[in-house]
Amino acid sequence: MPAPFTPFDFQLVLLRRMADHNPDLVADARRELGASLTDMREANKRWQAMVRSPWARSAAARYRSVLGAPESATAHRVGDLDCEARQWALPLWPGLRFEVLAGPNGQVWNEWLVRAPGAPVPDLRTVEDLTPWSCTVDEAARAFAPARPLEGTAPTRWGLAFEAPDTRGVRRPVVAEFTWGLLQRTRTGE
């Protein structure tokens, strides 16, 4: 019988996808968790097997089984659709929450990291403020509105295109890339 999948394992799954952009930050986070590269790969392999299994639970049920009862579950409206925002604390990111937006039938519409209620929000004014893991998708979109959403290269990836000033005040086009809702990197145009 395989060992149960735990919140510890789930954090390694999040890190595995982030490793494509920020291997050094991920290596530091892995060490903080006391996990090896092999542990991270194995957790991701087990997660993918759970997701792809013909006997897989719904995504909403899977998150509950892995992360336990949500820390909070609140009604939320996206356009004219009602859903529920369920949030869990993860030790690796104490200022963030893992959020799942679930529709009335329990179908998961979105899953990502968001700022924890009451946690300090980063002061985003310039391109230089956009450092890896410094902000979430919604924080960057608000700080540099109007921002245009971009399709990501994988289901857990998003992008935003906007203009932002550098420290000299010169406005530049920016593409910000996010994994699980957390900023990974930016590219600026001239």
C-alpha atoms as a PDB file:
ATOM      1  CA  MET A   1       0.000   0.000   0.000  1.00  0.00           C
ATOM      2  CA  PRO A   2       1.564   3.355  -0.995  1.00  0.00           C
ATOM      3  CA  ALA A   3       2.175   5.968   1.673  1.00  0.00           C
ATOM      4  CA  PRO A   4      -0.519   8.651   1.903  1.00  0.00           C
ATOM      5  CA  PHE A   5       0.070  11.835  -0.049  1.00  0.00           C
ATOM      6  CA  THR A   6       0.604  14.676   2.445  1.00  0.00           C
ATOM      7  CA  PRO A   7       0.746  18.491   2.421  1.00  0.00           C
ATOM      8  CA  PHE A   8       4.554  18.068   2.541  1.00  0.00           C
ATOM      9  CA  ASP A   9       4.398  16.080  -0.708  1.00  0.00           C
ATOM     10  CA  PHE A  10       2.048  18.631  -2.254  1.00  0.00           C
ATOM     11  CA  GLN A  11       4.515  21.462  -1.588  1.00  0.00           C
ATOM     12  CA  LEU A  12       7.127  19.419  -3.460  1.00  0.00           C
ATOM     13  CA  VAL A  13       4.709  19.138  -6.409  1.00  0.00           C
ATOM     14  CA  LEU A  14       4.356  22.930  -6.495  1.00  0.00           C
ATOM     15  CA  LEU A  15       8.130  23.304  -6.330  1.00  0.00           C
ATOM     16  CA  ARG A  16       8.686  20.777  -9.134  1.00  0.00           C
ATOM     17  CA  ARG A  17       6.813  22.955 -11.632  1.00  0.00           C
ATOM     18  CA  MET A  18       8.609  26.092 -10.367  1.00  0.00           C
ATOM     19  CA  ALA A  19      12.029  24.444 -10.790  1.00  0.00           C
ATOM     20  CA  ASP A  20      11.835  25.020 -14.548  1.00  0.00           C
ATOM     21  CA  HIS A  21      12.204  28.771 -13.949  1.00  0.00           C
ATOM     22  CA  ASN A  22      13.991  29.134 -10.607  1.00  0.00           C
ATOM     23  CA  PRO A  23      16.075  26.064  -9.780  1.00  0.00           C
ATOM     24  CA  ASP A  24      18.129  27.897  -7.131  1.00  0.00           C
ATOM     25  CA  LEU A  25      15.062  29.160  -5.230  1.00  0.00           C
ATOM     26  CA  VAL A  26      13.517  25.697  -5.462  1.00  0.00           C
ATOM     27  CA  ALA A  27      16.708  24.039  -4.193  1.00  0.00           C
ATOM     28  CA  ASP A  28      16.732  26.406  -1.188  1.00  0.00           C
ATOM     29  CA  ALA A  29      13.050  25.673  -0.501  1.00  0.00           C
ATOM     30  CA  ARG A  30      13.641  21.923  -0.787  1.00  0.00           C
ATOM     31  CA  ARG A  31      16.460  22.142   1.750  1.00  0.00           C
ATOM     32  CA  GLU A  32      14.182  24.191   4.040  1.00  0.00           C
ATOM     33  CA  LEU A  33      11.664  21.356   3.850  1.00  0.00           C
ATOM     34  CA  GLY A  34      14.371  18.722   4.356  1.00  0.00           C
ATOM     35  CA  ALA A  35      13.604  17.105   0.987  1.00  0.00           C
ATOM     36  CA  SER A  36      15.953  15.778  -1.660  1.00  0.00           C
ATOM     37  CA  LEU A  37      15.681  16.186  -5.409  1.00  0.00           C
ATOM     38  CA  THR A  38      14.615  12.532  -5.521  1.00  0.00           C
ATOM     39  CA  ASP A  39      11.858  13.244  -2.958  1.00  0.00           C
ATOM     40  CA  MET A  40      10.579  16.075  -5.159  1.00  0.00           C
ATOM     41  CA  ARG A  41      10.597  13.944  -8.296  1.00  0.00           C
ATOM     42  CA  GLU A  42       8.887  11.050  -6.525  1.00  0.00           C
ATOM     43  CA  ALA A  43       6.176  13.325  -5.083  1.00  0.00           C
ATOM     44  CA  ASN A  44       5.505  14.748  -8.547  1.00  0.00           C
ATOM     45  CA  LYS A  45       5.387  11.254 -10.066  1.00  0.00           C
ATOM     46  CA  ARG A  46       2.859  10.112  -7.436  1.00  0.00           C
ATOM     47  CA  TRP A  47       0.767  13.275  -7.934  1.00  0.00           C
ATOM     48  CA  GLN A  48       0.653  12.791 -11.688  1.00  0.00           C
ATOM     49  CA  ALA A  49      -0.364   9.146 -11.197  1.00  0.00           C
ATOM     50  CA  MET A  50      -3.191  10.279  -8.869  1.00  0.00           C
ATOM     51  CA  VAL A  51      -4.394  12.909 -11.326  1.00  0.00           C
ATOM     52  CA  ARG A  52      -4.306  10.576 -14.331  1.00  0.00           C
ATOM     53  CA  SER A  53      -5.647   7.436 -12.682  1.00  0.00           C
ATOM     54  CA  PRO A  54      -8.898   6.053 -14.145  1.00  0.00           C
ATOM     55  CA  TRP A  55     -10.083   5.830 -10.510  1.00  0.00           C
ATOM     56  CA  ALA A  56      -9.053   9.409  -9.708  1.00  0.00           C
ATOM     57  CA  ARG A  57     -11.159  11.462  -7.357  1.00  0.00           C
ATOM     58  CA  SER A  58     -12.485  14.800  -8.537  1.00  0.00           C
ATOM     59  CA  ALA A  59      -9.918  17.585  -8.219  1.00  0.00           C
ATOM     60  CA  ALA A  60     -11.890  19.128  -5.332  1.00  0.00           C
ATOM     61  CA  ALA A  61     -11.963  15.805  -3.457  1.00  0.00           C
ATOM     62  CA  ARG A  62      -8.271  15.213  -4.197  1.00  0.00           C
ATOM     63  CA  TYR A  63      -7.239  18.536  -2.630  1.00  0.00           C
ATOM     64  CA  ARG A  64      -9.358  17.851   0.447  1.00  0.00           C
ATOM     65  CA  SER A  65      -7.866  14.361   0.833  1.00  0.00           C
ATOM     66  CA  VAL A  66      -4.301  15.679   0.499  1.00  0.00           C
ATOM     67  CA  LEU A  67      -4.555  19.023   2.315  1.00  0.00           C
ATOM     68  CA  GLY A  68      -7.398  18.305   4.758  1.00  0.00           C
ATOM     69  CA  ALA A  69     -10.292  20.622   5.426  1.00  0.00           C
ATOM     70  CA  PRO A  70      -9.693  24.105   3.994  1.00  0.00           C
ATOM     71  CA  GLU A  71      -8.644  26.857   6.372  1.00  0.00           C
ATOM     72  CA  SER A  72     -11.451  28.921   4.824  1.00  0.00           C
ATOM     73  CA  ALA A  73     -14.216  28.403   2.268  1.00  0.00           C
ATOM     74  CA  THR A  74     -16.056  31.490   1.065  1.00  0.00           C
ATOM     75  CA  ALA A  75     -18.642  32.198  -1.594  1.00  0.00           C
ATOM     76  CA  HIS A  76     -17.112  33.944  -4.573  1.00  0.00           C
ATOM     77  CA  ARG A  77     -18.492  35.316  -7.812  1.00  0.00           C
ATOM     78  CA  VAL A  78     -16.579  35.240 -11.119  1.00  0.00           C
ATOM     79  CA  GLY A  79     -18.551  37.213 -13.703  1.00  0.00           C
ATOM     80  CA  ASP A  80     -22.049  35.787 -13.434  1.00  0.00           C
ATOM     81  CA  LEU A  81     -20.911  32.415 -12.043  1.00  0.00           C
ATOM     82  CA  ASP A  82     -21.014  31.477  -8.369  1.00  0.00           C
ATOM     83  CA  CYS A  83     -18.192  29.429  -6.913  1.00  0.00           C
ATOM     84  CA  GLU A  84     -16.448  28.744  -3.639  1.00  0.00           C
ATOM     85  CA  ALA A  85     -12.893  29.876  -2.839  1.00  0.00           C
ATOM     86  CA  ARG A  86     -11.239  27.248  -0.639  1.00  0.00           C
ATOM     87  CA  GLN A  87      -7.879  28.121   0.915  1.00  0.00           C
ATOM     88  CA  TRP A  88      -5.177  26.124   2.685  1.00  0.00           C
ATOM     89  CA  ALA A  89      -2.035  27.289   4.490  1.00  0.00           C
ATOM     90  CA  LEU A  90       1.265  25.761   3.332  1.00  0.00           C
ATOM     91  CA  PRO A  91       4.267  26.030   5.688  1.00  0.00           C
ATOM     92  CA  LEU A  92       6.700  26.879   2.889  1.00  0.00           C
ATOM     93  CA  TRP A  93       4.782  30.071   2.015  1.00  0.00           C
ATOM     94  CA  PRO A  94       3.298  31.435   5.289  1.00  0.00           C
ATOM     95  CA  GLY A  95       2.209  34.719   3.641  1.00  0.00           C
ATOM     96  CA  LEU A  96       0.280  32.883   0.938  1.00  0.00           C
ATOM     97  CA  ARG A  97      -2.599  30.425   0.708  1.00  0.00           C
ATOM     98  CA  PHE A  98      -3.213  27.709  -1.850  1.00  0.00           C
ATOM     99  CA  GLU A  99      -6.627  28.559  -3.298  1.00  0.00           C
ATOM    100  CA  VAL A 100      -8.992  26.378  -5.267  1.00  0.00           C
ATOM    101  CA  LEU A 101     -12.022  27.940  -6.969  1.00  0.00           C
ATOM    102  CA  ALA A 102     -14.720  25.274  -7.157  1.00  0.00           C
ATOM    103  CA  GLY A 103     -18.000  25.510  -9.037  1.00  0.00           C
ATOM    104  CA  PRO A 104     -21.385  24.465  -7.676  1.00  0.00           C
ATOM    105  CA  ASN A 105     -20.838  20.892  -8.872  1.00  0.00           C
ATOM    106  CA  GLY A 106     -17.405  20.699  -7.199  1.00  0.00           C
ATOM    107  CA  GLN A 107     -15.511  21.093 -10.473  1.00  0.00           C
ATOM    108  CA  VAL A 108     -12.234  22.975  -9.929  1.00  0.00           C
ATOM    109  CA  TRP A 109     -11.979  26.089 -12.107  1.00  0.00           C
ATOM    110  CA  ASN A 110      -8.680  27.434 -10.834  1.00  0.00           C
ATOM    111  CA  GLU A 111      -5.896  26.457  -8.438  1.00  0.00           C
ATOM    112  CA  TRP A 112      -3.091  28.783  -7.385  1.00  0.00           C
ATOM    113  CA  LEU A 113      -1.291  30.641  -4.623  1.00  0.00           C
ATOM    114  CA  VAL A 114      -2.867  33.885  -3.377  1.00  0.00           C
ATOM    115  CA  ARG A 115      -1.923  36.345  -0.629  1.00  0.00           C
ATOM    116  CA  ALA A 116      -3.072  35.240   2.839  1.00  0.00           C
ATOM    117  CA  PRO A 117      -5.688  37.445   4.508  1.00  0.00           C
ATOM    118  CA  GLY A 118      -3.926  40.115   6.572  1.00  0.00           C
ATOM    119  CA  ALA A 119      -0.456  39.345   5.140  1.00  0.00           C
ATOM    120  CA  PRO A 120       1.520  42.336   3.885  1.00  0.00           C
ATOM    121  CA  VAL A 121       1.069  43.005   0.175  1.00  0.00           C
ATOM    122  CA  PRO A 122       4.250  43.808  -1.768  1.00  0.00           C
ATOM    123  CA  ASP A 123       4.797  47.389  -2.897  1.00  0.00           C
ATOM    124  CA  LEU A 124       5.020  46.977  -6.667  1.00  0.00           C
ATOM    125  CA  ARG A 125       5.948  50.220  -8.450  1.00  0.00           C
ATOM    126  CA  THR A 126       8.710  49.386 -10.921  1.00  0.00           C
ATOM    127  CA  VAL A 127       9.943  46.513 -13.050  1.00  0.00           C
ATOM    128  CA  GLU A 128      12.742  45.987 -10.530  1.00  0.00           C
ATOM    129  CA  ASP A 129      10.150  45.236  -7.812  1.00  0.00           C
ATOM    130  CA  LEU A 130       9.060  42.179  -9.792  1.00  0.00           C
ATOM    131  CA  THR A 131      11.487  39.629  -8.385  1.00  0.00           C
ATOM    132  CA  PRO A 132      10.854  35.872  -8.390  1.00  0.00           C
ATOM    133  CA  TRP A 133       8.294  34.756  -5.790  1.00  0.00           C
ATOM    134  CA  SER A 134       7.608  38.388  -4.777  1.00  0.00           C
ATOM    135  CA  CYS A 135       3.950  38.587  -5.845  1.00  0.00           C
ATOM    136  CA  THR A 136       0.900  36.769  -7.116  1.00  0.00           C
ATOM    137  CA  VAL A 137      -0.894  37.132 -10.442  1.00  0.00           C
ATOM    138  CA  ASP A 138      -3.661  39.322  -9.025  1.00  0.00           C
ATOM    139  CA  GLU A 139      -1.196  41.595  -7.190  1.00  0.00           C
ATOM    140  CA  ALA A 140       0.821  42.250 -10.360  1.00  0.00           C
ATOM    141  CA  ALA A 141      -2.370  42.767 -12.393  1.00  0.00           C
ATOM    142  CA  ARG A 142      -3.648  45.367  -9.900  1.00  0.00           C
ATOM    143  CA  ALA A 143      -0.284  47.141  -9.530  1.00  0.00           C
ATOM    144  CA  PHE A 144       0.311  47.465 -13.270  1.00  0.00           C
ATOM    145  CA  ALA A 145      -3.224  47.782 -14.631  1.00  0.00           C
ATOM    146  CA  PRO A 146      -4.267  47.445 -17.301  1.00  0.00           C
ATOM    147  CA  ALA A 147      -2.671  44.022 -17.645  1.00  0.00           C
ATOM    148  CA  ARG A 148      -3.541  41.569 -20.393  1.00  0.00           C
ATOM    149  CA  PRO A 149      -3.671  37.872 -19.423  1.00  0.00           C
ATOM    150  CA  LEU A 150      -1.555  35.504 -21.498  1.00  0.00           C
ATOM    151  CA  GLU A 151      -1.978  31.787 -21.938  1.00  0.00           C
ATOM    152  CA  GLY A 152       0.674  29.806 -20.109  1.00  0.00           C
ATOM    153  CA  THR A 153       2.797  26.953 -21.405  1.00  0.00           C
ATOM    154  CA  ALA A 154       1.184  24.456 -19.004  1.00  0.00           C
ATOM    155  CA  PRO A 155      -2.072  24.268 -17.018  1.00  0.00           C
ATOM    156  CA  THR A 156      -0.441  25.688 -13.861  1.00  0.00           C
ATOM    157  CA  ARG A 157       1.224  28.597 -15.665  1.00  0.00           C
ATOM    158  CA  TRP A 158      -0.102  32.067 -16.457  1.00  0.00           C
ATOM    159  CA  GLY A 159       1.288  35.205 -17.962  1.00  0.00           C
ATOM    160  CA  LEU A 160       0.520  38.914 -17.843  1.00  0.00           C
ATOM    161  CA  ALA A 161       1.516  41.592 -20.339  1.00  0.00           C
ATOM    162  CA  PHE A 162       1.617  45.218 -19.194  1.00  0.00           C
ATOM    163  CA  GLU A 163       3.739  48.336 -19.133  1.00  0.00           C
ATOM    164  CA  ALA A 164       5.755  49.308 -16.071  1.00  0.00           C
ATOM    165  CA  PRO A 165       8.356  51.964 -15.321  1.00  0.00           C
ATOM    166  CA  ASP A 166      11.917  51.094 -14.430  1.00  0.00           C
ATOM    167  CA  THR A 167      13.688  52.901 -11.582  1.00  0.00           C
ATOM    168  CA  ARG A 168      14.554  55.775 -13.974  1.00  0.00           C
ATOM    169  CA  GLY A 169      10.854  56.186 -14.825  1.00  0.00           C
ATOM    170  CA  VAL A 170      11.156  54.811 -18.377  1.00  0.00           C
ATOM    171  CA  ARG A 171       8.028  52.773 -19.201  1.00  0.00           C
ATOM    172  CA  ARG A 172       8.725  49.392 -20.735  1.00  0.00           C
ATOM    173  CA  PRO A 173       6.568  46.537 -22.006  1.00  0.00           C
ATOM    174  CA  VAL A 174       6.738  43.614 -19.561  1.00  0.00           C
ATOM    175  CA  VAL A 175       5.733  39.969 -19.744  1.00  0.00           C
ATOM    176  CA  ALA A 176       5.460  38.407 -16.296  1.00  0.00           C
ATOM    177  CA  GLU A 177       5.358  34.612 -15.999  1.00  0.00           C
ATOM    178  CA  PHE A 178       3.673  32.849 -13.083  1.00  0.00           C
ATOM    179  CA  THR A 179       3.587  29.229 -11.915  1.00  0.00           C
ATOM    180  CA  TRP A 180       0.821  28.191  -9.521  1.00  0.00           C
ATOM    181  CA  GLY A 181      -0.001  31.922  -9.332  1.00  0.00           C
ATOM    182  CA  LEU A 182       3.428  32.971  -8.017  1.00  0.00           C
ATOM    183  CA  LEU A 183       5.752  35.216 -10.065  1.00  0.00           C
ATOM    184  CA  GLN A 184       8.657  33.271 -11.570  1.00  0.00           C
ATOM    185  CA  ARG A 185      10.290  35.707 -13.992  1.00  0.00           C
ATOM    186  CA  THR A 186       9.786  38.783 -16.152  1.00  0.00           C
ATOM    187  CA  ARG A 187      10.956  39.795 -19.602  1.00  0.00           C
ATOM    188  CA  THR A 188      11.117  43.423 -20.617  1.00  0.00           C
ATOM    189  CA  GLY A 189      11.129  44.995 -24.038  1.00  0.00           C
ATOM    190  CA  GLU A 190      12.909  48.131 -25.061  1.00  0.00           C
END
